[in-house]
Amino acid sequence: MAIDGTAAYDGLAGLPGLVPEALALARAHGFPHSCRPEQGRLLSALAGGARVRIGETGTGLGVGLAWLAAGAGAGVRLYSVERDAARARLAAGVFAGRPEVTVLTGDWRRIGEYGPFDLLVLDGGGQGKAPGDEPADVERLPAPGGTVVVDDFTPATAWPPPHDGSPDLPRLHWLEHPALRATELRLAPDLSAVVGTRRLV
């Protein structure tokens, strides 16, 4: 979730699907951490490649999930988990008319009950960035050939990528994971995401 993601939509029009409804909900409840438009466009494009199911950790108030739903093809199921029960309930209301979308309440690990995923977006747990947050198991949660997205990085300007004066170990975990073919995508001057495909063998 982006620090000022909700504010990044100010003045934008023509947003797809349920993104405007989710965004209005985030604004109404003072939730600032929605995924940014640059992230949303990436998620929507990647969702178009999913065949069966998409998973997301960290629903927030549903802006990122709305981008995913806007890009997903017919018949694709979407599952998103949010640890804050009030936010999960509010976000579920946005998708009340979309039976293919399920918003779960609980720890991010609940997403594993619904995998494997063609696309797995790690936004609220499973990234391995925070102390005590173990990285998601990419040899179990994404399907072989499935895509994993880990967002909210600052674009790397050196190798190894630094963070607070030391190598950025969480980012390196994903970029060098032996089960993934991964790269960093710069989405804006101050924003990047790591995108990886689970190896078939």
C-alpha atoms as a PDB file:
ATOM      1  CA  MET A   1       0.000   0.000   0.000  1.00  0.00           C
ATOM      2  CA  ALA A   2       1.371   3.387  -0.989  1.00  0.00           C
ATOM      3  CA  ILE A   3       1.840   6.056   1.689  1.00  0.00           C
ATOM      4  CA  ASP A   4      -0.107   8.749  -0.169  1.00  0.00           C
ATOM      5  CA  GLY A   5      -1.724   6.532  -2.780  1.00  0.00           C
ATOM      6  CA  THR A   6      -5.265   7.802  -2.360  1.00  0.00           C
ATOM      7  CA  ALA A   7      -4.197  11.414  -2.899  1.00  0.00           C
ATOM      8  CA  ALA A   8      -2.408  10.430  -6.118  1.00  0.00           C
ATOM      9  CA  TYR A   9      -5.794  10.121  -7.845  1.00  0.00           C
ATOM     10  CA  ASP A  10      -6.739  13.750  -7.314  1.00  0.00           C
ATOM     11  CA  GLY A  11      -7.776  15.188 -10.676  1.00  0.00           C
ATOM     12  CA  LEU A  12      -7.742  11.848 -12.516  1.00  0.00           C
ATOM     13  CA  ALA A  13     -10.780  10.864 -14.577  1.00  0.00           C
ATOM     14  CA  GLY A  14     -11.750   7.861 -16.662  1.00  0.00           C
ATOM     15  CA  LEU A  15     -10.787   5.270 -14.052  1.00  0.00           C
ATOM     16  CA  PRO A  16     -11.982   1.745 -14.910  1.00  0.00           C
ATOM     17  CA  GLY A  17     -14.551  -0.531 -13.325  1.00  0.00           C
ATOM     18  CA  LEU A  18     -15.097  -0.160  -9.591  1.00  0.00           C
ATOM     19  CA  VAL A  19     -11.958   1.903  -9.010  1.00  0.00           C
ATOM     20  CA  PRO A  20     -13.950   5.160  -8.547  1.00  0.00           C
ATOM     21  CA  GLU A  21     -16.249   3.511  -5.976  1.00  0.00           C
ATOM     22  CA  ALA A  22     -13.342   2.051  -4.001  1.00  0.00           C
ATOM     23  CA  LEU A  23     -11.498   5.343  -4.184  1.00  0.00           C
ATOM     24  CA  ALA A  24     -14.551   7.256  -2.913  1.00  0.00           C
ATOM     25  CA  LEU A  25     -14.754   4.829   0.003  1.00  0.00           C
ATOM     26  CA  ALA A  26     -11.070   5.352   0.827  1.00  0.00           C
ATOM     27  CA  ARG A  27     -11.525   9.126   0.772  1.00  0.00           C
ATOM     28  CA  ALA A  28     -14.698   8.987   2.859  1.00  0.00           C
ATOM     29  CA  HIS A  29     -12.927   6.982   5.561  1.00  0.00           C
ATOM     30  CA  GLY A  30      -9.666   8.914   5.474  1.00  0.00           C
ATOM     31  CA  PHE A  31      -7.674   5.911   4.261  1.00  0.00           C
ATOM     32  CA  PRO A  32      -4.530   7.271   2.567  1.00  0.00           C
ATOM     33  CA  HIS A  33      -2.767   4.034   1.615  1.00  0.00           C
ATOM     34  CA  SER A  34      -4.518   2.966  -1.602  1.00  0.00           C
ATOM     35  CA  CYS A  35      -2.363   1.649  -4.424  1.00  0.00           C
ATOM     36  CA  ARG A  36      -1.209   4.416  -6.724  1.00  0.00           C
ATOM     37  CA  PRO A  37      -2.555   4.769 -10.286  1.00  0.00           C
ATOM     38  CA  GLU A  38       0.763   3.564 -11.717  1.00  0.00           C
ATOM     39  CA  GLN A  39       0.495   0.401  -9.660  1.00  0.00           C
ATOM     40  CA  GLY A  40      -3.146  -0.014 -10.582  1.00  0.00           C
ATOM     41  CA  ARG A  41      -2.424   0.086 -14.304  1.00  0.00           C
ATOM     42  CA  LEU A  42       0.228  -2.605 -13.876  1.00  0.00           C
ATOM     43  CA  LEU A  43      -2.115  -4.793 -11.831  1.00  0.00           C
ATOM     44  CA  SER A  44      -4.904  -4.437 -14.364  1.00  0.00           C
ATOM     45  CA  ALA A  45      -2.616  -5.422 -17.229  1.00  0.00           C
ATOM     46  CA  LEU A  46      -1.232  -8.435 -15.373  1.00  0.00           C
ATOM     47  CA  ALA A  47      -4.732  -9.534 -14.339  1.00  0.00           C
ATOM     48  CA  GLY A  48      -5.585  -9.910 -18.006  1.00  0.00           C
ATOM     49  CA  GLY A  49      -3.144 -12.813 -18.207  1.00  0.00           C
ATOM     50  CA  ALA A  50      -4.743 -14.810 -15.378  1.00  0.00           C
ATOM     51  CA  ARG A  51      -6.757 -17.866 -16.364  1.00  0.00           C
ATOM     52  CA  VAL A  52      -8.255 -19.189 -13.122  1.00  0.00           C
ATOM     53  CA  ARG A  53      -7.563 -17.148  -9.969  1.00  0.00           C
ATOM     54  CA  ILE A  54      -5.884 -14.049  -8.615  1.00  0.00           C
ATOM     55  CA  GLY A  55      -4.803 -13.459  -5.015  1.00  0.00           C
ATOM     56  CA  GLU A  56      -3.980 -10.262  -3.160  1.00  0.00           C
ATOM     57  CA  THR A  57      -2.781  -9.550   0.369  1.00  0.00           C
ATOM     58  CA  GLY A  58      -3.769  -6.213   1.893  1.00  0.00           C
ATOM     59  CA  THR A  59      -7.177  -5.244   0.506  1.00  0.00           C
ATOM     60  CA  GLY A  60      -7.253  -1.885   2.239  1.00  0.00           C
ATOM     61  CA  LEU A  61     -10.503  -0.370   0.988  1.00  0.00           C
ATOM     62  CA  GLY A  62     -10.366  -2.149  -2.342  1.00  0.00           C
ATOM     63  CA  VAL A  63      -8.676   0.212  -4.807  1.00  0.00           C
ATOM     64  CA  GLY A  64      -6.015  -2.269  -5.917  1.00  0.00           C
ATOM     65  CA  LEU A  65      -8.568  -5.074  -5.984  1.00  0.00           C
ATOM     66  CA  ALA A  66     -10.801  -2.924  -8.198  1.00  0.00           C
ATOM     67  CA  TRP A  67      -7.927  -2.485 -10.667  1.00  0.00           C
ATOM     68  CA  LEU A  68      -7.396  -6.262 -10.662  1.00  0.00           C
ATOM     69  CA  ALA A  69     -11.099  -6.931 -11.199  1.00  0.00           C
ATOM     70  CA  ALA A  70     -11.211  -4.410 -14.049  1.00  0.00           C
ATOM     71  CA  GLY A  71      -8.444  -6.262 -15.883  1.00  0.00           C
ATOM     72  CA  ALA A  72      -9.440  -9.852 -15.157  1.00  0.00           C
ATOM     73  CA  GLY A  73     -11.128 -11.920 -17.811  1.00  0.00           C
ATOM     74  CA  ALA A  74     -14.484 -13.665 -17.573  1.00  0.00           C
ATOM     75  CA  GLY A  75     -14.538 -16.598 -15.175  1.00  0.00           C
ATOM     76  CA  VAL A  76     -11.428 -15.579 -13.219  1.00  0.00           C
ATOM     77  CA  ARG A  77     -11.866 -15.666  -9.441  1.00  0.00           C
ATOM     78  CA  LEU A  78     -10.283 -12.985  -7.246  1.00  0.00           C
ATOM     79  CA  TYR A  79      -9.419 -13.393  -3.567  1.00  0.00           C
ATOM     80  CA  SER A  80      -8.109 -10.615  -1.350  1.00  0.00           C
ATOM     81  CA  VAL A  81      -7.368 -10.700   2.373  1.00  0.00           C
ATOM     82  CA  GLU A  82      -7.433  -7.774   4.807  1.00  0.00           C
ATOM     83  CA  ARG A  83      -6.459  -8.075   8.470  1.00  0.00           C
ATOM     84  CA  ASP A  84      -8.596  -5.120   9.627  1.00  0.00           C
ATOM     85  CA  ALA A  85     -12.154  -6.444   9.958  1.00  0.00           C
ATOM     86  CA  ALA A  86     -13.834  -3.051   9.482  1.00  0.00           C
ATOM     87  CA  ARG A  87     -11.884  -2.333   6.313  1.00  0.00           C
ATOM     88  CA  ALA A  88     -12.558  -5.833   4.978  1.00  0.00           C
ATOM     89  CA  ARG A  89     -16.291  -5.385   5.540  1.00  0.00           C
ATOM     90  CA  LEU A  90     -16.342  -2.010   3.812  1.00  0.00           C
ATOM     91  CA  ALA A  91     -14.282  -3.244   0.865  1.00  0.00           C
ATOM     92  CA  ALA A  92     -16.515  -6.294   0.455  1.00  0.00           C
ATOM     93  CA  GLY A  93     -19.437  -3.919   0.029  1.00  0.00           C
ATOM     94  CA  VAL A  94     -17.802  -2.378  -3.041  1.00  0.00           C
ATOM     95  CA  PHE A  95     -17.791  -5.804  -4.713  1.00  0.00           C
ATOM     96  CA  ALA A  96     -21.204  -6.962  -3.508  1.00  0.00           C
ATOM     97  CA  GLY A  97     -22.403  -7.244  -7.103  1.00  0.00           C
ATOM     98  CA  ARG A  98     -19.324  -9.136  -8.270  1.00  0.00           C
ATOM     99  CA  PRO A  99     -19.665 -12.787  -7.144  1.00  0.00           C
ATOM    100  CA  GLU A 100     -16.261 -13.664  -8.576  1.00  0.00           C
ATOM    101  CA  VAL A 101     -14.585 -11.382  -5.991  1.00  0.00           C
ATOM    102  CA  THR A 102     -14.092 -12.574  -2.409  1.00  0.00           C
ATOM    103  CA  VAL A 103     -12.760 -10.344   0.377  1.00  0.00           C
ATOM    104  CA  LEU A 104     -11.407 -12.316   3.331  1.00  0.00           C
ATOM    105  CA  THR A 105     -10.732 -11.104   6.857  1.00  0.00           C
ATOM    106  CA  GLY A 106      -7.598 -12.199   8.675  1.00  0.00           C
ATOM    107  CA  ASP A 107      -3.870 -12.691   8.494  1.00  0.00           C
ATOM    108  CA  TRP A 108      -2.367 -12.587   5.003  1.00  0.00           C
ATOM    109  CA  ARG A 109      -1.612 -16.308   5.187  1.00  0.00           C
ATOM    110  CA  ARG A 110      -5.324 -17.043   4.696  1.00  0.00           C
ATOM    111  CA  ILE A 111      -4.774 -16.404   1.012  1.00  0.00           C
ATOM    112  CA  GLY A 112      -3.079 -19.800   0.839  1.00  0.00           C
ATOM    113  CA  GLU A 113      -6.435 -21.511   1.335  1.00  0.00           C
ATOM    114  CA  TYR A 114      -7.489 -20.418  -2.163  1.00  0.00           C
ATOM    115  CA  GLY A 115      -4.364 -20.900  -4.275  1.00  0.00           C
ATOM    116  CA  PRO A 116      -2.472 -21.626  -6.322  1.00  0.00           C
ATOM    117  CA  PHE A 117      -2.748 -18.342  -8.176  1.00  0.00           C
ATOM    118  CA  ASP A 118      -2.038 -17.261 -11.725  1.00  0.00           C
ATOM    119  CA  LEU A 119      -1.307 -13.818 -10.266  1.00  0.00           C
ATOM    120  CA  LEU A 120      -0.354 -13.143  -6.650  1.00  0.00           C
ATOM    121  CA  VAL A 121      -0.071  -9.533  -5.461  1.00  0.00           C
ATOM    122  CA  LEU A 122       1.754  -9.121  -2.149  1.00  0.00           C
ATOM    123  CA  ASP A 123       0.767  -5.753  -0.777  1.00  0.00           C
ATOM    124  CA  GLY A 124      -0.266  -6.339   2.836  1.00  0.00           C
ATOM    125  CA  GLY A 125       1.832  -9.179   4.191  1.00  0.00           C
ATOM    126  CA  GLY A 126       4.054 -11.802   2.688  1.00  0.00           C
ATOM    127  CA  GLN A 127       6.545  -9.300   1.275  1.00  0.00           C
ATOM    128  CA  GLY A 128       9.153  -9.941   3.941  1.00  0.00           C
ATOM    129  CA  LYS A 129       9.838  -6.233   4.353  1.00  0.00           C
ATOM    130  CA  ALA A 130       8.746  -5.692   7.952  1.00  0.00           C
ATOM    131  CA  PRO A 131      10.283  -7.401  10.989  1.00  0.00           C
ATOM    132  CA  GLY A 132       8.464 -10.663  11.608  1.00  0.00           C
ATOM    133  CA  ASP A 133       6.789 -10.679   8.179  1.00  0.00           C
ATOM    134  CA  GLU A 134       7.987 -13.861   6.520  1.00  0.00           C
ATOM    135  CA  PRO A 135       8.074 -13.851   2.719  1.00  0.00           C
ATOM    136  CA  ALA A 136       5.327 -15.772   0.968  1.00  0.00           C
ATOM    137  CA  ASP A 137       6.233 -19.232  -0.291  1.00  0.00           C
ATOM    138  CA  VAL A 138       6.544 -18.758  -4.031  1.00  0.00           C
ATOM    139  CA  GLU A 139       6.999 -22.481  -4.560  1.00  0.00           C
ATOM    140  CA  ARG A 140       3.462 -23.063  -3.264  1.00  0.00           C
ATOM    141  CA  LEU A 141       1.227 -20.004  -3.653  1.00  0.00           C
ATOM    142  CA  PRO A 142       1.656 -19.098  -7.334  1.00  0.00           C
ATOM    143  CA  ALA A 143       0.942 -21.767  -9.908  1.00  0.00           C
ATOM    144  CA  PRO A 144       3.873 -22.867 -12.084  1.00  0.00           C
ATOM    145  CA  GLY A 145       4.270 -20.047 -14.594  1.00  0.00           C
ATOM    146  CA  GLY A 146       2.255 -17.759 -12.331  1.00  0.00           C
ATOM    147  CA  THR A 147       3.207 -14.146 -11.646  1.00  0.00           C
ATOM    148  CA  VAL A 148       4.137 -12.576  -8.308  1.00  0.00           C
ATOM    149  CA  VAL A 149       4.080  -8.798  -7.725  1.00  0.00           C
ATOM    150  CA  VAL A 150       5.807  -7.170  -4.745  1.00  0.00           C
ATOM    151  CA  ASP A 151       5.216  -3.425  -4.817  1.00  0.00           C
ATOM    152  CA  ASP A 152       6.124  -0.184  -3.075  1.00  0.00           C
ATOM    153  CA  PHE A 153       9.863  -0.118  -3.642  1.00  0.00           C
ATOM    154  CA  THR A 154      11.933   2.955  -4.440  1.00  0.00           C
ATOM    155  CA  PRO A 155      13.659   2.485  -7.810  1.00  0.00           C
ATOM    156  CA  ALA A 156      17.129   1.018  -7.458  1.00  0.00           C
ATOM    157  CA  THR A 157      20.027   3.251  -8.446  1.00  0.00           C
ATOM    158  CA  ALA A 158      22.869   0.863  -7.592  1.00  0.00           C
ATOM    159  CA  TRP A 159      23.645  -2.813  -7.218  1.00  0.00           C
ATOM    160  CA  PRO A 160      23.020  -4.336  -4.828  1.00  0.00           C
ATOM    161  CA  PRO A 161      19.993  -2.075  -4.302  1.00  0.00           C
ATOM    162  CA  PRO A 162      20.474  -0.092  -1.087  1.00  0.00           C
ATOM    163  CA  HIS A 163      18.052   0.633   1.736  1.00  0.00           C
ATOM    164  CA  ASP A 164      19.083   2.915   4.600  1.00  0.00           C
ATOM    165  CA  GLY A 165      22.736   2.470   3.731  1.00  0.00           C
ATOM    166  CA  SER A 166      22.697  -1.341   3.570  1.00  0.00           C
ATOM    167  CA  PRO A 167      21.759  -3.859   0.868  1.00  0.00           C
ATOM    168  CA  ASP A 168      17.984  -4.113   0.485  1.00  0.00           C
ATOM    169  CA  LEU A 169      17.627  -7.728   1.567  1.00  0.00           C
ATOM    170  CA  PRO A 170      13.853  -8.044   1.035  1.00  0.00           C
ATOM    171  CA  ARG A 171      14.188  -6.779  -2.531  1.00  0.00           C
ATOM    172  CA  LEU A 172      17.130  -9.105  -3.162  1.00  0.00           C
ATOM    173  CA  HIS A 173      15.091 -12.002  -1.784  1.00  0.00           C
ATOM    174  CA  TRP A 174      12.621 -11.590  -4.629  1.00  0.00           C
ATOM    175  CA  LEU A 175      15.026 -10.603  -7.380  1.00  0.00           C
ATOM    176  CA  GLU A 176      17.354 -13.537  -6.700  1.00  0.00           C
ATOM    177  CA  HIS A 177      14.842 -16.171  -5.608  1.00  0.00           C
ATOM    178  CA  PRO A 178      15.757 -19.452  -7.344  1.00  0.00           C
ATOM    179  CA  ALA A 179      12.100 -20.300  -8.007  1.00  0.00           C
ATOM    180  CA  LEU A 180      11.451 -17.014  -9.847  1.00  0.00           C
ATOM    181  CA  ARG A 181      12.516 -15.173 -12.953  1.00  0.00           C
ATOM    182  CA  ALA A 182      12.167 -11.674 -11.564  1.00  0.00           C
ATOM    183  CA  THR A 183      12.916  -8.093 -12.465  1.00  0.00           C
ATOM    184  CA  GLU A 184      12.250  -4.633 -11.098  1.00  0.00           C
ATOM    185  CA  LEU A 185       9.880  -2.374 -13.035  1.00  0.00           C
ATOM    186  CA  ARG A 186      10.085   1.382 -12.565  1.00  0.00           C
ATOM    187  CA  LEU A 187       6.530   2.699 -12.475  1.00  0.00           C
ATOM    188  CA  ALA A 188       7.335   6.324 -11.586  1.00  0.00           C
ATOM    189  CA  PRO A 189      10.476   8.266 -10.622  1.00  0.00           C
ATOM    190  CA  ASP A 190       9.816   7.349  -6.984  1.00  0.00           C
ATOM    191  CA  LEU A 191       8.065   3.995  -7.343  1.00  0.00           C
ATOM    192  CA  SER A 192       8.940   0.511  -8.538  1.00  0.00           C
ATOM    193  CA  ALA A 193       7.688  -3.053  -8.211  1.00  0.00           C
ATOM    194  CA  VAL A 194       9.358  -6.434  -8.424  1.00  0.00           C
ATOM    195  CA  VAL A 195       7.558  -8.750 -10.815  1.00  0.00           C
ATOM    196  CA  GLY A 196       8.500 -12.405 -11.066  1.00  0.00           C
ATOM    197  CA  THR A 197       7.291 -15.526 -12.836  1.00  0.00           C
ATOM    198  CA  ARG A 198       7.472 -18.847 -11.055  1.00  0.00           C
ATOM    199  CA  ARG A 199       9.743 -21.174 -12.971  1.00  0.00           C
ATOM    200  CA  LEU A 200       8.085 -24.179 -14.571  1.00  0.00           C
ATOM    201  CA  VAL A 201      10.850 -26.544 -13.415  1.00  0.00           C
END
